Amino acid sequence: MIKRIMKVLFFLRRPVRDDRREFNGQLLDQRREDAFVLMHQQMASLY
């Protein structure tokens, strides 16, 4: 589970390519939701 979280966090910190500088709010929301779900699952497994 920790590896999945680290993979998502690494994916979130990837640099933006020069050819795609436009803001993509939908992608940001999806990544935020994915990270929230993974963190919630990890916290639930601790109890």
C-alpha atoms as a PDB file:
ATOM      1  CA  MET A   1       0.000   0.000   0.000  1.00  0.00           C
ATOM      2  CA  ILE A   2       2.853   2.402   0.797  1.00  0.00           C
ATOM      3  CA  LYS A   3       4.323   1.704  -2.636  1.00  0.00           C
ATOM      4  CA  ARG A   4       1.017   2.709  -4.279  1.00  0.00           C
ATOM      5  CA  ILE A   5       0.943   5.963  -2.337  1.00  0.00           C
ATOM      6  CA  MET A   6       4.550   6.723  -3.208  1.00  0.00           C
ATOM      7  CA  LYS A   7       3.809   5.973  -6.873  1.00  0.00           C
ATOM      8  CA  VAL A   8       0.884   8.414  -6.872  1.00  0.00           C
ATOM      9  CA  LEU A   9       2.905  11.093  -5.098  1.00  0.00           C
ATOM     10  CA  PHE A  10       5.753  10.647  -7.574  1.00  0.00           C
ATOM     11  CA  PHE A  11       3.270  10.904 -10.438  1.00  0.00           C
ATOM     12  CA  LEU A  12       1.871  14.141  -8.970  1.00  0.00           C
ATOM     13  CA  ARG A  13       5.341  15.722  -8.799  1.00  0.00           C
ATOM     14  CA  ARG A  14       6.348  14.952 -12.390  1.00  0.00           C
ATOM     15  CA  PRO A  15       7.502  18.073 -14.229  1.00  0.00           C
ATOM     16  CA  VAL A  16       5.227  19.635 -16.814  1.00  0.00           C
ATOM     17  CA  ARG A  17       6.381  19.193 -20.388  1.00  0.00           C
ATOM     18  CA  ASP A  18       7.120  22.358 -22.348  1.00  0.00           C
ATOM     19  CA  ASP A  19       4.530  21.547 -25.020  1.00  0.00           C
ATOM     20  CA  ARG A  20       1.678  21.285 -22.477  1.00  0.00           C
ATOM     21  CA  ARG A  21       1.578  24.425 -20.361  1.00  0.00           C
ATOM     22  CA  GLU A  22      -2.189  24.891 -20.332  1.00  0.00           C
ATOM     23  CA  PHE A  23      -4.021  24.305 -17.053  1.00  0.00           C
ATOM     24  CA  ASN A  24      -6.077  21.118 -16.882  1.00  0.00           C
ATOM     25  CA  GLY A  25      -8.441  21.458 -13.936  1.00  0.00           C
ATOM     26  CA  GLN A  26     -10.179  18.155 -14.585  1.00  0.00           C
ATOM     27  CA  LEU A  27      -6.885  16.239 -14.459  1.00  0.00           C
ATOM     28  CA  LEU A  28      -5.897  18.079 -11.277  1.00  0.00           C
ATOM     29  CA  ASP A  29      -9.193  17.137  -9.636  1.00  0.00           C
ATOM     30  CA  GLN A  30      -8.792  13.502 -10.692  1.00  0.00           C
ATOM     31  CA  ARG A  31      -5.261  13.285  -9.292  1.00  0.00           C
ATOM     32  CA  ARG A  32      -6.366  14.961  -6.075  1.00  0.00           C
ATOM     33  CA  GLU A  33      -9.236  12.483  -5.737  1.00  0.00           C
ATOM     34  CA  ASP A  34      -6.909   9.514  -6.398  1.00  0.00           C
ATOM     35  CA  ALA A  35      -4.468  10.705  -3.745  1.00  0.00           C
ATOM     36  CA  PHE A  36      -7.286  11.270  -1.240  1.00  0.00           C
ATOM     37  CA  VAL A  37      -8.702   7.779  -1.816  1.00  0.00           C
ATOM     38  CA  LEU A  38      -5.301   6.133  -1.387  1.00  0.00           C
ATOM     39  CA  MET A  39      -4.567   8.053   1.810  1.00  0.00           C
ATOM     40  CA  HIS A  40      -8.029   7.238   3.175  1.00  0.00           C
ATOM     41  CA  GLN A  41      -7.539   3.541   2.444  1.00  0.00           C
ATOM     42  CA  GLN A  42      -4.133   3.582   4.102  1.00  0.00           C
ATOM     43  CA  MET A  43      -5.482   5.278   7.226  1.00  0.00           C
ATOM     44  CA  ALA A  44      -8.432   2.860   7.392  1.00  0.00           C
ATOM     45  CA  SER A  45      -6.044  -0.105   7.340  1.00  0.00           C
ATOM     46  CA  LEU A  46      -4.218   1.229  10.405  1.00  0.00           C
ATOM     47  CA  TYR A  47      -7.266   0.871  12.656  1.00  0.00           C
END
